[in-house]
C-alpha atoms as a PDB file:
ATOM      1  CA  MET A   1    -184.361  35.997 180.868  1.00  0.00           C
ATOM      2  CA  ASP A   2    -186.195  39.228 181.756  1.00  0.00           C
ATOM      3  CA  MET A   3    -188.646  40.644 179.221  1.00  0.00           C
ATOM      4  CA  ILE A   4    -187.301  43.087 176.674  1.00  0.00           C
ATOM      5  CA  GLN A   5    -187.977  46.642 177.833  1.00  0.00           C
ATOM      6  CA  ALA A   6    -185.875  48.717 175.416  1.00  0.00           C
ATOM      7  CA  VAL A   7    -184.625  48.811 171.847  1.00  0.00           C
ATOM      8  CA  ILE A   8    -181.360  50.683 171.313  1.00  0.00           C
ATOM      9  CA  PHE A   9    -180.548  51.855 167.798  1.00  0.00           C
ATOM     10  CA  ASP A  10    -177.233  52.718 166.265  1.00  0.00           C
ATOM     11  CA  MET A  11    -177.771  55.832 164.151  1.00  0.00           C
ATOM     12  CA  ASP A  12    -175.646  55.872 161.002  1.00  0.00           C
ATOM     13  CA  GLY A  13    -176.543  52.999 158.719  1.00  0.00           C
ATOM     14  CA  VAL A  14    -179.476  51.853 160.891  1.00  0.00           C
ATOM     15  CA  LEU A  15    -181.766  54.855 161.355  1.00  0.00           C
ATOM     16  CA  VAL A  16    -180.412  56.847 158.433  1.00  0.00           C
ATOM     17  CA  ASP A  17    -178.471  55.733 155.389  1.00  0.00           C
ATOM     18  CA  SER A  18    -175.693  58.189 156.134  1.00  0.00           C
ATOM     19  CA  GLU A  19    -172.549  56.051 155.952  1.00  0.00           C
ATOM     20  CA  ILE A  20    -171.937  57.188 152.380  1.00  0.00           C
ATOM     21  CA  HIS A  21    -171.829  60.775 153.687  1.00  0.00           C
ATOM     22  CA  HIS A  22    -169.415  59.808 156.469  1.00  0.00           C
ATOM     23  CA  PHE A  23    -167.168  58.117 153.896  1.00  0.00           C
ATOM     24  CA  GLU A  24    -167.151  61.357 151.907  1.00  0.00           C
ATOM     25  CA  VAL A  25    -166.407  63.456 155.014  1.00  0.00           C
ATOM     26  CA  GLU A  26    -163.496  61.219 156.039  1.00  0.00           C
ATOM     27  CA  LYS A  27    -162.132  61.206 152.496  1.00  0.00           C
ATOM     28  CA  LEU A  28    -162.305  65.017 152.295  1.00  0.00           C
ATOM     29  CA  ILE A  29    -160.726  65.561 155.720  1.00  0.00           C
ATOM     30  CA  LEU A  30    -157.862  63.177 154.977  1.00  0.00           C
ATOM     31  CA  GLU A  31    -157.311  64.601 151.504  1.00  0.00           C
ATOM     32  CA  LYS A  32    -156.862  68.033 153.112  1.00  0.00           C
ATOM     33  CA  MET A  33    -154.046  66.420 155.114  1.00  0.00           C
ATOM     34  CA  GLY A  34    -152.470  64.991 151.971  1.00  0.00           C
ATOM     35  CA  ILE A  35    -153.645  61.435 152.712  1.00  0.00           C
ATOM     36  CA  SER A  36    -155.174  59.253 150.015  1.00  0.00           C
ATOM     37  CA  ILE A  37    -157.204  56.475 151.627  1.00  0.00           C
ATOM     38  CA  GLN A  38    -158.801  53.358 150.158  1.00  0.00           C
ATOM     39  CA  ALA A  39    -162.472  52.427 150.582  1.00  0.00           C
ATOM     40  CA  GLU A  40    -161.536  49.227 152.427  1.00  0.00           C
ATOM     41  CA  GLU A  41    -159.784  51.205 155.157  1.00  0.00           C
ATOM     42  CA  ILE A  42    -162.685  53.644 155.481  1.00  0.00           C
ATOM     43  CA  ASN A  43    -165.060  50.672 155.802  1.00  0.00           C
ATOM     44  CA  SER A  44    -163.050  49.518 158.823  1.00  0.00           C
ATOM     45  CA  PHE A  45    -164.014  52.763 160.591  1.00  0.00           C
ATOM     46  CA  VAL A  46    -167.771  52.039 160.445  1.00  0.00           C
ATOM     47  CA  GLY A  47    -169.175  51.895 163.990  1.00  0.00           C
ATOM     48  CA  LEU A  48    -165.756  52.583 165.486  1.00  0.00           C
ATOM     49  CA  ALA A  49    -165.377  55.238 168.172  1.00  0.00           C
ATOM     50  CA  MET A  50    -164.103  58.445 166.558  1.00  0.00           C
ATOM     51  CA  LYS A  51    -161.209  58.614 168.991  1.00  0.00           C
ATOM     52  CA  LYS A  52    -160.103  55.119 168.007  1.00  0.00           C
ATOM     53  CA  MET A  53    -160.380  56.019 164.337  1.00  0.00           C
ATOM     54  CA  TRP A  54    -158.142  59.045 164.720  1.00  0.00           C
ATOM     55  CA  GLU A  55    -155.687  57.134 166.894  1.00  0.00           C
ATOM     56  CA  ARG A  56    -155.308  54.628 164.067  1.00  0.00           C
ATOM     57  CA  VAL A  57    -154.965  57.325 161.416  1.00  0.00           C
ATOM     58  CA  LYS A  58    -152.529  59.396 163.470  1.00  0.00           C
ATOM     59  CA  GLU A  59    -150.263  56.409 164.069  1.00  0.00           C
ATOM     60  CA  LYS A  60    -150.386  55.049 160.524  1.00  0.00           C
ATOM     61  CA  TYR A  61    -149.878  58.375 158.747  1.00  0.00           C
ATOM     62  CA  HIS A  62    -147.619  59.996 161.377  1.00  0.00           C
ATOM     63  CA  LEU A  63    -149.840  63.039 161.945  1.00  0.00           C
ATOM     64  CA  GLU A  64    -148.466  65.808 164.178  1.00  0.00           C
ATOM     65  CA  LYS A  65    -151.821  67.142 165.432  1.00  0.00           C
ATOM     66  CA  SER A  66    -153.055  65.906 168.794  1.00  0.00           C
ATOM     67  CA  ILE A  67    -156.014  63.507 168.990  1.00  0.00           C
ATOM     68  CA  SER A  68    -158.095  66.184 170.722  1.00  0.00           C
ATOM     69  CA  LYS A  69    -157.390  68.653 167.892  1.00  0.00           C
ATOM     70  CA  LEU A  70    -158.185  66.066 165.226  1.00  0.00           C
ATOM     71  CA  LEU A  71    -161.463  65.228 166.976  1.00  0.00           C
ATOM     72  CA  GLU A  72    -162.373  68.904 167.296  1.00  0.00           C
ATOM     73  CA  GLU A  73    -161.734  69.601 163.595  1.00  0.00           C
ATOM     74  CA  ASP A  74    -163.537  66.413 162.558  1.00  0.00           C
ATOM     75  CA  THR A  75    -166.650  67.303 164.599  1.00  0.00           C
ATOM     76  CA  ILE A  76    -166.877  70.851 163.234  1.00  0.00           C
ATOM     77  CA  PHE A  77    -166.429  69.675 159.635  1.00  0.00           C
ATOM     78  CA  ARG A  78    -168.903  66.794 160.027  1.00  0.00           C
ATOM     79  CA  VAL A  79    -171.664  68.838 161.716  1.00  0.00           C
ATOM     80  CA  ASN A  80    -171.418  71.589 159.077  1.00  0.00           C
ATOM     81  CA  TYR A  81    -171.472  69.010 156.285  1.00  0.00           C
ATOM     82  CA  PHE A  82    -174.651  67.359 157.578  1.00  0.00           C
ATOM     83  CA  LYS A  83    -176.352  70.698 158.265  1.00  0.00           C
ATOM     84  CA  ASN A  84    -175.755  71.684 154.635  1.00  0.00           C
ATOM     85  CA  ILE A  85    -177.081  68.537 152.945  1.00  0.00           C
ATOM     86  CA  GLY A  86    -180.631  69.193 154.120  1.00  0.00           C
ATOM     87  CA  LYS A  87    -183.205  66.500 154.826  1.00  0.00           C
ATOM     88  CA  ILE A  88    -181.930  62.967 155.357  1.00  0.00           C
ATOM     89  CA  PRO A  89    -184.523  60.245 154.748  1.00  0.00           C
ATOM     90  CA  PRO A  90    -184.776  57.482 157.368  1.00  0.00           C
ATOM     91  CA  VAL A  91    -183.857  53.945 156.371  1.00  0.00           C
ATOM     92  CA  GLU A  92    -186.877  52.365 154.679  1.00  0.00           C
ATOM     93  CA  GLY A  93    -189.282  50.815 157.174  1.00  0.00           C
ATOM     94  CA  VAL A  94    -187.438  51.912 160.323  1.00  0.00           C
ATOM     95  CA  GLU A  95    -189.857  54.687 161.310  1.00  0.00           C
ATOM     96  CA  GLU A  96    -192.838  52.338 161.027  1.00  0.00           C
ATOM     97  CA  PHE A  97    -191.009  49.786 163.192  1.00  0.00           C
ATOM     98  CA  ILE A  98    -190.215  52.436 165.819  1.00  0.00           C
ATOM     99  CA  ARG A  99    -193.856  53.519 165.944  1.00  0.00           C
ATOM    100  CA  GLU A 100    -194.973  49.907 166.364  1.00  0.00           C
ATOM    101  CA  ILE A 101    -192.696  49.165 169.316  1.00  0.00           C
ATOM    102  CA  LYS A 102    -193.346  52.493 171.047  1.00  0.00           C
ATOM    103  CA  LYS A 103    -197.104  51.947 170.749  1.00  0.00           C
ATOM    104  CA  GLU A 104    -196.616  48.798 172.809  1.00  0.00           C
ATOM    105  CA  GLY A 105    -194.690  50.631 175.526  1.00  0.00           C
ATOM    106  CA  LEU A 106    -191.120  49.688 174.640  1.00  0.00           C
ATOM    107  CA  ILE A 107    -188.618  52.476 175.201  1.00  0.00           C
ATOM    108  CA  THR A 108    -186.120  53.572 172.565  1.00  0.00           C
ATOM    109  CA  ALA A 109    -182.710  55.200 172.547  1.00  0.00           C
ATOM    110  CA  VAL A 110    -179.839  55.939 170.202  1.00  0.00           C
ATOM    111  CA  ALA A 111    -176.261  54.857 170.975  1.00  0.00           C
ATOM    112  CA  SER A 112    -173.924  56.300 168.363  1.00  0.00           C
ATOM    113  CA  SER A 113    -170.180  56.770 168.038  1.00  0.00           C
ATOM    114  CA  SER A 114    -170.851  60.244 166.608  1.00  0.00           C
ATOM    115  CA  HIS A 115    -170.493  63.478 168.565  1.00  0.00           C
ATOM    116  CA  MET A 116    -173.624  64.595 170.466  1.00  0.00           C
ATOM    117  CA  ASP A 117    -174.012  67.674 168.229  1.00  0.00           C
ATOM    118  CA  LEU A 118    -173.933  65.485 165.138  1.00  0.00           C
ATOM    119  CA  ILE A 119    -176.430  62.978 166.574  1.00  0.00           C
ATOM    120  CA  LYS A 120    -178.920  65.789 167.198  1.00  0.00           C
ATOM    121  CA  THR A 121    -178.274  67.318 163.759  1.00  0.00           C
ATOM    122  CA  VAL A 122    -178.879  64.031 161.920  1.00  0.00           C
ATOM    123  CA  LEU A 123    -181.929  63.042 163.989  1.00  0.00           C
ATOM    124  CA  GLU A 124    -183.473  66.464 163.358  1.00  0.00           C
ATOM    125  CA  ALA A 125    -182.672  66.278 159.614  1.00  0.00           C
ATOM    126  CA  SER A 126    -184.370  62.867 159.389  1.00  0.00           C
ATOM    127  CA  ASN A 127    -187.340  63.931 161.578  1.00  0.00           C
ATOM    128  CA  LEU A 128    -186.596  61.077 163.996  1.00  0.00           C
ATOM    129  CA  LEU A 129    -185.549  63.092 167.064  1.00  0.00           C
ATOM    130  CA  LYS A 130    -189.101  62.968 168.480  1.00  0.00           C
ATOM    131  CA  TYR A 131    -188.795  59.203 168.994  1.00  0.00           C
ATOM    132  CA  PHE A 132    -185.644  59.347 171.095  1.00  0.00           C
ATOM    133  CA  PRO A 133    -185.731  61.116 174.471  1.00  0.00           C
ATOM    134  CA  VAL A 134    -182.354  59.504 175.164  1.00  0.00           C
ATOM    135  CA  TYR A 135    -179.371  59.525 172.813  1.00  0.00           C
ATOM    136  CA  ILE A 136    -175.842  58.716 173.928  1.00  0.00           C
ATOM    137  CA  SER A 137    -172.584  59.642 172.212  1.00  0.00           C
ATOM    138  CA  GLY A 138    -169.418  57.583 172.140  1.00  0.00           C
ATOM    139  CA  PHE A 139    -167.630  60.826 173.030  1.00  0.00           C
ATOM    140  CA  ASN A 140    -169.221  60.689 176.484  1.00  0.00           C
ATOM    141  CA  VAL A 141    -167.973  57.271 177.594  1.00  0.00           C
ATOM    142  CA  LYS A 142    -164.472  56.133 178.491  1.00  0.00           C
ATOM    143  CA  HIS A 143    -164.192  53.464 175.801  1.00  0.00           C
ATOM    144  CA  GLY A 144    -166.084  53.604 172.516  1.00  0.00           C
ATOM    145  CA  LYS A 145    -167.288  50.751 170.331  1.00  0.00           C
ATOM    146  CA  PRO A 146    -166.272  47.911 170.035  1.00  0.00           C
ATOM    147  CA  GLU A 147    -166.141  48.173 173.858  1.00  0.00           C
ATOM    148  CA  PRO A 148    -169.548  47.982 175.579  1.00  0.00           C
ATOM    149  CA  ASP A 149    -169.397  51.222 177.602  1.00  0.00           C
ATOM    150  CA  ILE A 150    -171.918  53.120 175.449  1.00  0.00           C
ATOM    151  CA  PHE A 151    -174.523  50.377 175.835  1.00  0.00           C
ATOM    152  CA  PHE A 152    -174.079  50.145 179.602  1.00  0.00           C
ATOM    153  CA  GLU A 153    -174.469  53.937 179.770  1.00  0.00           C
ATOM    154  CA  THR A 154    -177.604  53.834 177.619  1.00  0.00           C
ATOM    155  CA  ALA A 155    -179.202  51.089 179.731  1.00  0.00           C
ATOM    156  CA  ALA A 156    -178.443  53.086 182.879  1.00  0.00           C
ATOM    157  CA  LYS A 157    -180.062  56.216 181.395  1.00  0.00           C
ATOM    158  CA  LEU A 158    -183.130  54.184 180.481  1.00  0.00           C
ATOM    159  CA  ASP A 159    -183.172  52.549 183.950  1.00  0.00           C
ATOM    160  CA  VAL A 160    -183.230  49.024 182.486  1.00  0.00           C
ATOM    161  CA  LYS A 161    -180.913  46.032 182.784  1.00  0.00           C
ATOM    162  CA  PRO A 162    -178.588  45.159 179.888  1.00  0.00           C
ATOM    163  CA  ASN A 163    -180.366  41.836 179.352  1.00  0.00           C
ATOM    164  CA  GLU A 164    -183.654  43.735 178.960  1.00  0.00           C
ATOM    165  CA  CYS A 165    -182.284  45.476 175.851  1.00  0.00           C
ATOM    166  CA  ILE A 166    -182.102  44.670 172.171  1.00  0.00           C
ATOM    167  CA  VAL A 167    -179.557  46.559 170.065  1.00  0.00           C
ATOM    168  CA  ILE A 168    -179.844  47.102 166.307  1.00  0.00           C
ATOM    169  CA  GLU A 169    -176.468  47.570 164.615  1.00  0.00           C
ATOM    170  CA  ASP A 170    -175.053  47.529 161.087  1.00  0.00           C
ATOM    171  CA  SER A 171    -171.329  47.243 161.841  1.00  0.00           C
ATOM    172  CA  TYR A 172    -168.868  44.704 163.164  1.00  0.00           C
ATOM    173  CA  ASN A 173    -167.735  47.094 165.900  1.00  0.00           C
ATOM    174  CA  GLY A 174    -171.288  47.814 167.012  1.00  0.00           C
ATOM    175  CA  VAL A 175    -172.358  44.166 167.122  1.00  0.00           C
ATOM    176  CA  ILE A 176    -169.278  43.198 169.155  1.00  0.00           C
ATOM    177  CA  ALA A 177    -169.960  46.039 171.621  1.00  0.00           C
ATOM    178  CA  ALA A 178    -173.595  44.988 172.054  1.00  0.00           C
ATOM    179  CA  LYS A 179    -172.687  41.346 172.698  1.00  0.00           C
ATOM    180  CA  LYS A 180    -169.988  42.370 175.201  1.00  0.00           C
ATOM    181  CA  ALA A 181    -172.704  44.320 177.039  1.00  0.00           C
ATOM    182  CA  GLY A 182    -174.775  41.136 177.374  1.00  0.00           C
ATOM    183  CA  MET A 183    -177.526  42.472 175.108  1.00  0.00           C
ATOM    184  CA  LYS A 184    -179.368  40.747 172.294  1.00  0.00           C
ATOM    185  CA  CYS A 185    -178.322  42.149 168.946  1.00  0.00           C
ATOM    186  CA  ILE A 186    -180.033  42.412 165.582  1.00  0.00           C
ATOM    187  CA  GLY A 187    -177.607  42.913 162.720  1.00  0.00           C
ATOM    188  CA  TYR A 188    -178.939  45.042 159.864  1.00  0.00           C
ATOM    189  CA  VAL A 189    -177.255  44.433 156.519  1.00  0.00           C
ATOM    190  CA  ASN A 190    -176.818  47.858 154.954  1.00  0.00           C
ATOM    191  CA  PRO A 191    -174.893  47.723 151.641  1.00  0.00           C
ATOM    192  CA  SER A 192    -173.819  51.340 152.170  1.00  0.00           C
ATOM    193  CA  SER A 193    -171.883  50.299 155.288  1.00  0.00           C
ATOM    194  CA  GLY A 194    -169.390  48.251 153.266  1.00  0.00           C
ATOM    195  CA  LYS A 195    -168.596  44.600 153.894  1.00  0.00           C
ATOM    196  CA  GLN A 196    -169.289  44.285 157.608  1.00  0.00           C
ATOM    197  CA  ASP A 197    -168.957  41.009 159.507  1.00  0.00           C
ATOM    198  CA  ILE A 198    -172.111  41.021 161.639  1.00  0.00           C
ATOM    199  CA  SER A 199    -172.267  37.238 161.976  1.00  0.00           C
ATOM    200  CA  SER A 200    -172.096  37.506 165.802  1.00  0.00           C
ATOM    201  CA  ALA A 201    -175.560  39.096 165.878  1.00  0.00           C
ATOM    202  CA  ASP A 202    -178.417  36.984 167.261  1.00  0.00           C
ATOM    203  CA  LEU A 203    -180.557  37.783 164.225  1.00  0.00           C
ATOM    204  CA  ILE A 204    -179.597  39.260 160.859  1.00  0.00           C
ATOM    205  CA  ILE A 205    -182.065  41.194 158.711  1.00  0.00           C
ATOM    206  CA  LYS A 206    -181.838  42.847 155.298  1.00  0.00           C
ATOM    207  CA  ASN A 207    -184.824  45.148 155.759  1.00  0.00           C
ATOM    208  CA  PHE A 208    -187.073  46.282 158.590  1.00  0.00           C
ATOM    209  CA  ASP A 209    -190.081  44.482 157.105  1.00  0.00           C
ATOM    210  CA  GLN A 210    -188.480  41.334 158.550  1.00  0.00           C
ATOM    211  CA  LEU A 211    -188.971  42.698 162.086  1.00  0.00           C
ATOM    212  CA  ASN A 212    -192.169  42.878 164.089  1.00  0.00           C
ATOM    213  CA  LEU A 213    -193.301  43.272 167.661  1.00  0.00           C
ATOM    214  CA  ASN A 214    -193.664  39.512 168.237  1.00  0.00           C
ATOM    215  CA  ILE A 215    -190.009  38.911 167.426  1.00  0.00           C
ATOM    216  CA  ILE A 216    -188.977  41.579 169.924  1.00  0.00           C
ATOM    217  CA  LYS A 217    -191.355  40.657 172.772  1.00  0.00           C
ATOM    218  CA  ASN A 218    -190.932  36.887 172.482  1.00  0.00           C
ATOM    219  CA  TRP A 219    -187.148  36.849 172.262  1.00  0.00           C
END
């Protein structure tokens, strides 16, 4: 196997503990449409491409609006929501881990199902944008997570091979996408992400203190 050159981070639930905010956004949007949704169903959306989420919701609840309109309204609502909540603290220990791997020359990127505007908003609010010259949105690939397109696109942008990448994910959909891309995957157990089956990950951690440079470089 080639040496690891890059670490690709999911954003929500890995870099920032924002899933609880996304749950609230989805609940509010759906309530405006007269839909009452259970937490278990919202948990199933974690890591899922937004288009896939709205396709599911549209079919199940017989919504008349087009997918493109639903996505447009969702993005506007979500970006405004996150702009108004102010600073978002990074997940404990993640910034120190990022500094450690970048000091050793590893490159970093974000691959998130969120819209590009929202990725930038959240990274700025958490003061993490400076660490990520490359961030890729699920809106900009043909098939979102759990398909591997976003990870292939990220590797291409970084000019590395898929098997030179490690992905850190907190969701079932994200882990499956990373493994389909032929990348090593670290599953991060974030209680705020609901009950996620991340058992397919190559390594599972409960906090970033469990990770260090030797684990990454000697994989």
